[in-house]
C-alpha atoms as a PDB file:
ATOM      1  CA  MET A   1      -0.281  35.968  20.407  1.00  0.00           C
ATOM      2  CA  ALA A   2       2.865  35.000  22.325  1.00  0.00           C
ATOM      3  CA  ALA A   3       0.854  34.548  25.539  1.00  0.00           C
ATOM      4  CA  ALA A   4      -1.708  32.430  23.703  1.00  0.00           C
ATOM      5  CA  ALA A   5       1.054  30.327  22.187  1.00  0.00           C
ATOM      6  CA  ARG A   6       2.569  29.806  25.595  1.00  0.00           C
ATOM      7  CA  LYS A   7      -0.816  28.699  26.950  1.00  0.00           C
ATOM      8  CA  VAL A   8      -1.219  26.236  24.065  1.00  0.00           C
ATOM      9  CA  ASN A   9       2.291  24.897  24.561  1.00  0.00           C
ATOM     10  CA  THR A  10       1.700  24.531  28.305  1.00  0.00           C
ATOM     11  CA  PHE A  11      -1.542  22.671  27.618  1.00  0.00           C
ATOM     12  CA  VAL A  12       0.123  20.376  25.067  1.00  0.00           C
ATOM     13  CA  ILE A  13       2.996  19.644  27.431  1.00  0.00           C
ATOM     14  CA  GLY A  14       0.545  18.871  30.234  1.00  0.00           C
ATOM     15  CA  VAL A  15      -1.475  16.513  28.054  1.00  0.00           C
ATOM     16  CA  THR A  16       1.698  14.829  26.848  1.00  0.00           C
ATOM     17  CA  ILE A  17       2.892  14.272  30.407  1.00  0.00           C
ATOM     18  CA  ALA A  18      -0.496  12.882  31.392  1.00  0.00           C
ATOM     19  CA  VAL A  19      -0.474  10.473  28.436  1.00  0.00           C
ATOM     20  CA  VAL A  20       3.046   9.319  29.284  1.00  0.00           C
ATOM     21  CA  VAL A  21       2.032   8.711  32.905  1.00  0.00           C
ATOM     22  CA  VAL A  22      -1.034   6.729  31.838  1.00  0.00           C
ATOM     23  CA  LEU A  23       0.995   4.692  29.346  1.00  0.00           C
ATOM     24  CA  ALA A  24       3.596   3.990  31.992  1.00  0.00           C
ATOM     25  CA  GLY A  25       0.876   2.817  34.333  1.00  0.00           C
ATOM     26  CA  VAL A  26      -0.653   0.582  31.666  1.00  0.00           C
ATOM     27  CA  THR A  27       2.764  -0.844  30.826  1.00  0.00           C
ATOM     28  CA  ALA A  28       3.432  -1.590  34.485  1.00  0.00           C
ATOM     29  CA  LEU A  29       0.028  -3.260  34.786  1.00  0.00           C
ATOM     30  CA  VAL A  30       0.656  -5.418  31.710  1.00  0.00           C
ATOM     31  CA  VAL A  31       4.074  -6.413  33.010  1.00  0.00           C
ATOM     32  CA  TRP A  32       2.554  -7.315  36.389  1.00  0.00           C
ATOM     33  CA  MET A  33      -0.247  -9.345  34.794  1.00  0.00           C
ATOM     34  CA  ASN A  34       2.173 -11.200  32.557  1.00  0.00           C
ATOM     35  CA  SER A  35       4.406 -11.884  35.532  1.00  0.00           C
ATOM     36  CA  ALA A  36       1.475 -13.140  37.581  1.00  0.00           C
ATOM     37  CA  ALA A  37       0.254 -15.328  34.728  1.00  0.00           C
ATOM     38  CA  SER A  38       3.694 -16.894  34.314  1.00  0.00           C
ATOM     39  CA  ASP A  39       4.315 -17.340  38.057  1.00  0.00           C
ATOM     40  CA  PRO A  40       5.008 -21.062  38.533  1.00  0.00           C
ATOM     41  CA  GLY A  41       4.058 -20.817  42.176  1.00  0.00           C
ATOM     42  CA  VAL A  42       5.473 -22.806  45.054  1.00  0.00           C
ATOM     43  CA  ALA A  43       6.527 -26.383  44.360  1.00  0.00           C
ATOM     44  CA  PRO A  44       5.774 -28.958  47.059  1.00  0.00           C
ATOM     45  CA  GLU A  45       8.919 -29.697  49.054  1.00  0.00           C
ATOM     46  CA  ALA A  46       8.674 -33.465  49.199  1.00  0.00           C
ATOM     47  CA  SER A  47      10.936 -36.332  48.155  1.00  0.00           C
ATOM     48  CA  ASN A  48       8.151 -37.883  46.089  1.00  0.00           C
ATOM     49  CA  VAL A  49       7.512 -34.738  44.033  1.00  0.00           C
ATOM     50  CA  ASN A  50       9.919 -33.849  41.248  1.00  0.00           C
ATOM     51  CA  SER A  51       9.877 -30.053  41.342  1.00  0.00           C
ATOM     52  CA  GLU A  52      11.461 -29.820  37.871  1.00  0.00           C
ATOM     53  CA  THR A  53       9.021 -32.059  35.998  1.00  0.00           C
ATOM     54  CA  GLY A  54       5.983 -31.679  38.244  1.00  0.00           C
ATOM     55  CA  ALA A  55       5.710 -35.447  38.613  1.00  0.00           C
ATOM     56  CA  ILE A  56       4.392 -37.188  41.707  1.00  0.00           C
ATOM     57  CA  VAL A  57       6.532 -40.302  41.930  1.00  0.00           C
ATOM     58  CA  PHE A  58       5.376 -43.788  42.933  1.00  0.00           C
ATOM     59  CA  GLY A  59       7.771 -46.718  43.049  1.00  0.00           C
ATOM     60  CA  ASP A  60      11.357 -47.027  41.876  1.00  0.00           C
ATOM     61  CA  GLY A  61      11.370 -49.680  39.145  1.00  0.00           C
ATOM     62  CA  PRO A  62      13.617 -49.600  36.047  1.00  0.00           C
ATOM     63  CA  ASP A  63      10.855 -48.939  33.516  1.00  0.00           C
ATOM     64  CA  VAL A  64       9.362 -45.453  33.680  1.00  0.00           C
ATOM     65  CA  VAL A  65       5.679 -44.739  33.082  1.00  0.00           C
ATOM     66  CA  ASP A  66       4.382 -41.168  32.980  1.00  0.00           C
ATOM     67  CA  THR A  67       0.696 -40.285  33.050  1.00  0.00           C
ATOM     68  CA  TYR A  68      -0.687 -36.786  32.458  1.00  0.00           C
ATOM     69  CA  ILE A  69      -4.136 -36.495  33.972  1.00  0.00           C
ATOM     70  CA  ASP A  70      -6.887 -33.983  34.668  1.00  0.00           C
ATOM     71  CA  PHE A  71      -9.381 -34.883  37.399  1.00  0.00           C
ATOM     72  CA  MET A  72     -12.250 -33.389  35.386  1.00  0.00           C
ATOM     73  CA  CYS A  73     -11.402 -35.572  32.364  1.00  0.00           C
ATOM     74  CA  PRO A  74     -13.726 -38.594  31.958  1.00  0.00           C
ATOM     75  CA  TYR A  75     -11.222 -40.341  29.686  1.00  0.00           C
ATOM     76  CA  CYS A  76      -8.619 -40.087  32.457  1.00  0.00           C
ATOM     77  CA  ASN A  77     -11.106 -41.818  34.734  1.00  0.00           C
ATOM     78  CA  GLN A  78     -11.631 -44.502  32.086  1.00  0.00           C
ATOM     79  CA  PHE A  79      -7.867 -44.958  31.886  1.00  0.00           C
ATOM     80  CA  GLU A  80      -7.602 -45.314  35.663  1.00  0.00           C
ATOM     81  CA  GLN A  81     -10.437 -47.830  35.818  1.00  0.00           C
ATOM     82  CA  SER A  82      -9.044 -49.952  32.968  1.00  0.00           C
ATOM     83  CA  GLU A  83      -5.309 -49.746  33.665  1.00  0.00           C
ATOM     84  CA  GLY A  84      -4.905 -48.595  37.254  1.00  0.00           C
ATOM     85  CA  ASP A  85      -4.766 -52.092  38.758  1.00  0.00           C
ATOM     86  CA  THR A  86      -2.047 -53.131  36.314  1.00  0.00           C
ATOM     87  CA  ILE A  87      -0.039 -49.997  37.065  1.00  0.00           C
ATOM     88  CA  GLN A  88      -0.300 -50.511  40.827  1.00  0.00           C
ATOM     89  CA  GLY A  89       0.747 -54.139  40.462  1.00  0.00           C
ATOM     90  CA  LEU A  90       3.835 -53.103  38.514  1.00  0.00           C
ATOM     91  CA  ILE A  91       4.712 -50.524  41.173  1.00  0.00           C
ATOM     92  CA  GLU A  92       4.356 -53.075  43.957  1.00  0.00           C
ATOM     93  CA  SER A  93       6.432 -55.668  42.077  1.00  0.00           C
ATOM     94  CA  GLY A  94       9.228 -53.154  41.579  1.00  0.00           C
ATOM     95  CA  ASP A  95       8.953 -53.195  37.791  1.00  0.00           C
ATOM     96  CA  ILE A  96       8.120 -49.544  37.155  1.00  0.00           C
ATOM     97  CA  THR A  97       8.455 -46.041  38.418  1.00  0.00           C
ATOM     98  CA  LEU A  98       5.188 -44.180  37.909  1.00  0.00           C
ATOM     99  CA  ASN A  99       5.267 -40.422  37.416  1.00  0.00           C
ATOM    100  CA  VAL A 100       1.816 -38.876  37.762  1.00  0.00           C
ATOM    101  CA  HIS A 101       1.522 -35.373  36.291  1.00  0.00           C
ATOM    102  CA  PRO A 102      -1.653 -33.569  37.423  1.00  0.00           C
ATOM    103  CA  VAL A 103      -2.530 -30.885  34.874  1.00  0.00           C
ATOM    104  CA  SER A 104      -5.359 -28.360  34.749  1.00  0.00           C
ATOM    105  CA  ILE A 105      -6.546 -27.957  31.179  1.00  0.00           C
ATOM    106  CA  LEU A 106     -10.298 -28.287  31.772  1.00  0.00           C
ATOM    107  CA  ASP A 107     -11.011 -25.409  34.151  1.00  0.00           C
ATOM    108  CA  ARG A 108     -13.399 -24.047  31.530  1.00  0.00           C
ATOM    109  CA  LEU A 109     -15.718 -26.994  32.210  1.00  0.00           C
ATOM    110  CA  SER A 110     -16.391 -26.258  35.891  1.00  0.00           C
ATOM    111  CA  ASN A 111     -18.569 -23.132  35.799  1.00  0.00           C
ATOM    112  CA  GLY A 112     -15.821 -20.823  36.979  1.00  0.00           C
ATOM    113  CA  THR A 113     -14.759 -22.840  40.055  1.00  0.00           C
ATOM    114  CA  GLU A 114     -11.450 -23.911  38.438  1.00  0.00           C
ATOM    115  CA  TYR A 115     -12.009 -27.486  39.566  1.00  0.00           C
ATOM    116  CA  SER A 116      -9.174 -28.886  37.441  1.00  0.00           C
ATOM    117  CA  SER A 117      -6.703 -26.516  39.079  1.00  0.00           C
ATOM    118  CA  ARG A 118      -8.081 -27.025  42.586  1.00  0.00           C
ATOM    119  CA  SER A 119      -8.083 -30.815  42.332  1.00  0.00           C
ATOM    120  CA  ALA A 120      -4.581 -30.914  40.840  1.00  0.00           C
ATOM    121  CA  ALA A 121      -3.349 -28.617  43.606  1.00  0.00           C
ATOM    122  CA  ALA A 122      -5.016 -30.862  46.184  1.00  0.00           C
ATOM    123  CA  MET A 123      -3.252 -33.882  44.679  1.00  0.00           C
ATOM    124  CA  TYR A 124       0.080 -32.139  45.176  1.00  0.00           C
ATOM    125  CA  ALA A 125      -0.864 -31.204  48.738  1.00  0.00           C
ATOM    126  CA  VAL A 126      -1.825 -34.782  49.626  1.00  0.00           C
ATOM    127  CA  ALA A 127       1.249 -36.235  47.921  1.00  0.00           C
ATOM    128  CA  ALA A 128       3.507 -33.977  49.964  1.00  0.00           C
ATOM    129  CA  ALA A 129       1.665 -34.520  53.245  1.00  0.00           C
ATOM    130  CA  ASP A 130       0.998 -38.267  53.082  1.00  0.00           C
ATOM    131  CA  PRO A 131       2.878 -40.045  50.252  1.00  0.00           C
ATOM    132  CA  ASP A 132       1.768 -43.511  51.362  1.00  0.00           C
ATOM    133  CA  ASN A 133      -1.895 -42.706  50.756  1.00  0.00           C
ATOM    134  CA  ALA A 134      -1.551 -40.397  47.750  1.00  0.00           C
ATOM    135  CA  TYR A 135      -2.538 -43.041  45.199  1.00  0.00           C
ATOM    136  CA  ALA A 136      -5.564 -43.997  47.267  1.00  0.00           C
ATOM    137  CA  PHE A 137      -6.566 -40.338  47.165  1.00  0.00           C
ATOM    138  CA  LEU A 138      -6.159 -40.308  43.379  1.00  0.00           C
ATOM    139  CA  GLU A 139      -8.448 -43.339  43.138  1.00  0.00           C
ATOM    140  CA  ALA A 140     -11.013 -41.686  45.405  1.00  0.00           C
ATOM    141  CA  MET A 141     -11.005 -38.544  43.268  1.00  0.00           C
ATOM    142  CA  TYR A 142     -11.862 -40.598  40.209  1.00  0.00           C
ATOM    143  CA  ALA A 143     -14.411 -42.754  42.021  1.00  0.00           C
ATOM    144  CA  ASN A 144     -16.201 -39.500  42.883  1.00  0.00           C
ATOM    145  CA  GLN A 145     -15.469 -37.605  39.672  1.00  0.00           C
ATOM    146  CA  PRO A 146     -17.910 -34.770  38.959  1.00  0.00           C
ATOM    147  CA  ALA A 147     -19.452 -34.400  35.524  1.00  0.00           C
ATOM    148  CA  GLU A 148     -18.034 -31.980  33.013  1.00  0.00           C
ATOM    149  CA  ASN A 149     -19.827 -28.607  33.005  1.00  0.00           C
ATOM    150  CA  SER A 150     -20.626 -28.934  36.708  1.00  0.00           C
ATOM    151  CA  ASP A 151     -19.161 -26.962  39.609  1.00  0.00           C
ATOM    152  CA  GLY A 152     -16.964 -29.900  40.556  1.00  0.00           C
ATOM    153  CA  LEU A 153     -16.271 -30.881  44.139  1.00  0.00           C
ATOM    154  CA  SER A 154     -15.864 -28.221  46.811  1.00  0.00           C
ATOM    155  CA  ASP A 155     -12.626 -27.984  48.788  1.00  0.00           C
ATOM    156  CA  GLU A 156     -14.457 -29.401  51.798  1.00  0.00           C
ATOM    157  CA  GLN A 157     -15.645 -32.399  49.760  1.00  0.00           C
ATOM    158  CA  ILE A 158     -12.099 -32.992  48.501  1.00  0.00           C
ATOM    159  CA  ILE A 159     -10.809 -32.926  52.084  1.00  0.00           C
ATOM    160  CA  GLN A 160     -13.452 -35.428  53.154  1.00  0.00           C
ATOM    161  CA  LEU A 161     -12.525 -37.721  50.267  1.00  0.00           C
ATOM    162  CA  ALA A 162      -8.928 -37.561  51.448  1.00  0.00           C
ATOM    163  CA  ARG A 163     -10.006 -38.618  54.941  1.00  0.00           C
ATOM    164  CA  ASP A 164     -12.143 -41.442  53.543  1.00  0.00           C
ATOM    165  CA  ALA A 165      -9.149 -42.628  51.475  1.00  0.00           C
ATOM    166  CA  GLY A 166      -7.045 -42.975  54.616  1.00  0.00           C
ATOM    167  CA  VAL A 167      -5.034 -39.794  54.212  1.00  0.00           C
ATOM    168  CA  ASN A 168      -3.763 -38.268  57.456  1.00  0.00           C
ATOM    169  CA  VAL A 169      -5.602 -34.957  57.129  1.00  0.00           C
ATOM    170  CA  THR A 170      -3.892 -32.465  59.394  1.00  0.00           C
ATOM    171  CA  SER A 171      -4.805 -28.819  59.792  1.00  0.00           C
ATOM    172  CA  ASP A 172      -1.783 -27.961  57.620  1.00  0.00           C
ATOM    173  CA  LEU A 173      -3.076 -30.180  54.817  1.00  0.00           C
ATOM    174  CA  GLU A 174      -6.547 -28.668  55.105  1.00  0.00           C
ATOM    175  CA  ASP A 175      -5.036 -25.197  54.877  1.00  0.00           C
ATOM    176  CA  ALA A 176      -2.946 -26.200  51.851  1.00  0.00           C
ATOM    177  CA  ILE A 177      -6.089 -27.351  50.033  1.00  0.00           C
ATOM    178  CA  THR A 178      -8.444 -24.544  51.012  1.00  0.00           C
ATOM    179  CA  SER A 179      -5.846 -21.821  50.415  1.00  0.00           C
ATOM    180  CA  GLY A 180      -4.854 -23.205  47.032  1.00  0.00           C
ATOM    181  CA  GLU A 181      -1.212 -23.313  48.108  1.00  0.00           C
ATOM    182  CA  TYR A 182      -0.160 -25.265  45.019  1.00  0.00           C
ATOM    183  CA  THR A 183      -2.663 -23.883  42.519  1.00  0.00           C
ATOM    184  CA  ASN A 184      -0.167 -21.753  40.595  1.00  0.00           C
ATOM    185  CA  TYR A 185       2.253 -24.654  40.506  1.00  0.00           C
ATOM    186  CA  ALA A 186      -0.457 -26.970  39.170  1.00  0.00           C
ATOM    187  CA  GLN A 187      -1.458 -24.413  36.545  1.00  0.00           C
ATOM    188  CA  SER A 188       2.158 -24.107  35.400  1.00  0.00           C
ATOM    189  CA  GLN A 189       2.287 -27.791  34.442  1.00  0.00           C
ATOM    190  CA  SER A 190       1.838 -28.740  30.788  1.00  0.00           C
ATOM    191  CA  LEU A 191       1.571 -31.747  28.530  1.00  0.00           C
ATOM    192  CA  PRO A 192       4.720 -33.167  26.914  1.00  0.00           C
ATOM    193  CA  ASP A 193       5.644 -32.230  23.357  1.00  0.00           C
ATOM    194  CA  GLY A 194       3.510 -34.180  20.901  1.00  0.00           C
ATOM    195  CA  ALA A 195       0.620 -34.714  23.296  1.00  0.00           C
ATOM    196  CA  THR A 196      -2.835 -33.495  22.342  1.00  0.00           C
ATOM    197  CA  GLY A 197      -4.833 -33.910  25.554  1.00  0.00           C
ATOM    198  CA  THR A 198      -5.490 -36.001  28.627  1.00  0.00           C
ATOM    199  CA  PRO A 199      -4.892 -38.711  29.448  1.00  0.00           C
ATOM    200  CA  THR A 200      -1.407 -38.867  27.969  1.00  0.00           C
ATOM    201  CA  LEU A 201       0.632 -42.008  28.553  1.00  0.00           C
ATOM    202  CA  VAL A 202       4.404 -42.100  28.150  1.00  0.00           C
ATOM    203  CA  VAL A 203       6.350 -45.333  28.595  1.00  0.00           C
ATOM    204  CA  ASN A 204      10.126 -45.115  28.658  1.00  0.00           C
ATOM    205  CA  ASP A 205      10.023 -41.653  27.020  1.00  0.00           C
ATOM    206  CA  GLU A 206       7.675 -42.730  24.195  1.00  0.00           C
ATOM    207  CA  ILE A 207       4.123 -41.411  23.908  1.00  0.00           C
ATOM    208  CA  ILE A 208       1.757 -44.369  23.640  1.00  0.00           C
ATOM    209  CA  SER A 209      -1.590 -44.294  21.850  1.00  0.00           C
ATOM    210  CA  ILE A 210      -4.057 -45.311  24.541  1.00  0.00           C
ATOM    211  CA  THR A 211      -6.357 -48.245  23.763  1.00  0.00           C
ATOM    212  CA  TYR A 212      -7.502 -48.757  27.391  1.00  0.00           C
ATOM    213  CA  ASP A 213      -5.946 -52.230  27.258  1.00  0.00           C
ATOM    214  CA  PRO A 214      -3.033 -52.447  29.725  1.00  0.00           C
ATOM    215  CA  GLN A 215      -1.431 -55.312  27.819  1.00  0.00           C
ATOM    216  CA  THR A 216      -1.171 -53.174  24.685  1.00  0.00           C
ATOM    217  CA  ASP A 217      -0.576 -49.814  26.313  1.00  0.00           C
ATOM    218  CA  ILE A 218       1.845 -50.673  29.108  1.00  0.00           C
ATOM    219  CA  LEU A 219       3.007 -54.268  29.371  1.00  0.00           C
ATOM    220  CA  ALA A 220       3.965 -54.542  25.698  1.00  0.00           C
ATOM    221  CA  ASN A 221       6.149 -51.438  25.999  1.00  0.00           C
ATOM    222  CA  LEU A 222       8.201 -52.401  29.040  1.00  0.00           C
ATOM    223  CA  SER A 223      11.842 -53.262  28.540  1.00  0.00           C
ATOM    224  CA  SER A 224      11.696 -56.473  30.533  1.00  0.00           C
END
């Protein structure tokens, strides 16, 4: 009986140790996955990219306009087509500082290619590599916007659009786009408190209800 009891105890101890080891492994895996999911990635090291807010900065005027955009979002494209010229004019006249926040909330609409994340990451890559032509690249991305529930543009197509927009496409920039250098950083960006989707427009720290009329949405909310 004593020998049998010892065998049972040895078996129980062995099973217990095995369970503990498995649980420890699962715990470590969960911790790693959570860490990976929360990894903000590498921020672009460029004077026109605010690493704290994720904004790509255009201009240096006294009034501040923030736009939160997703390149898969058709309403963002509508906003660009209806208000982009006004925004660019205000940048050029020195009236506003524009902060563009690329976000990636519509990856689910690109058949698993994560187009929102890839295009946002490409925007960061272009902004860091060639600030002078970054807005032209943004315009080109919208002029060639893929439909929702499509695969989106390939990395090679995005690179060609950058070239066509006048961006100085170096091998380093190509590598940054094809490797997804800023993908984690793009995915870590979020909408401001109180926002419900893209596009989101903020003028002088106030969220504005978009009407797609620049007079109402932007000009009427400037301080001067």
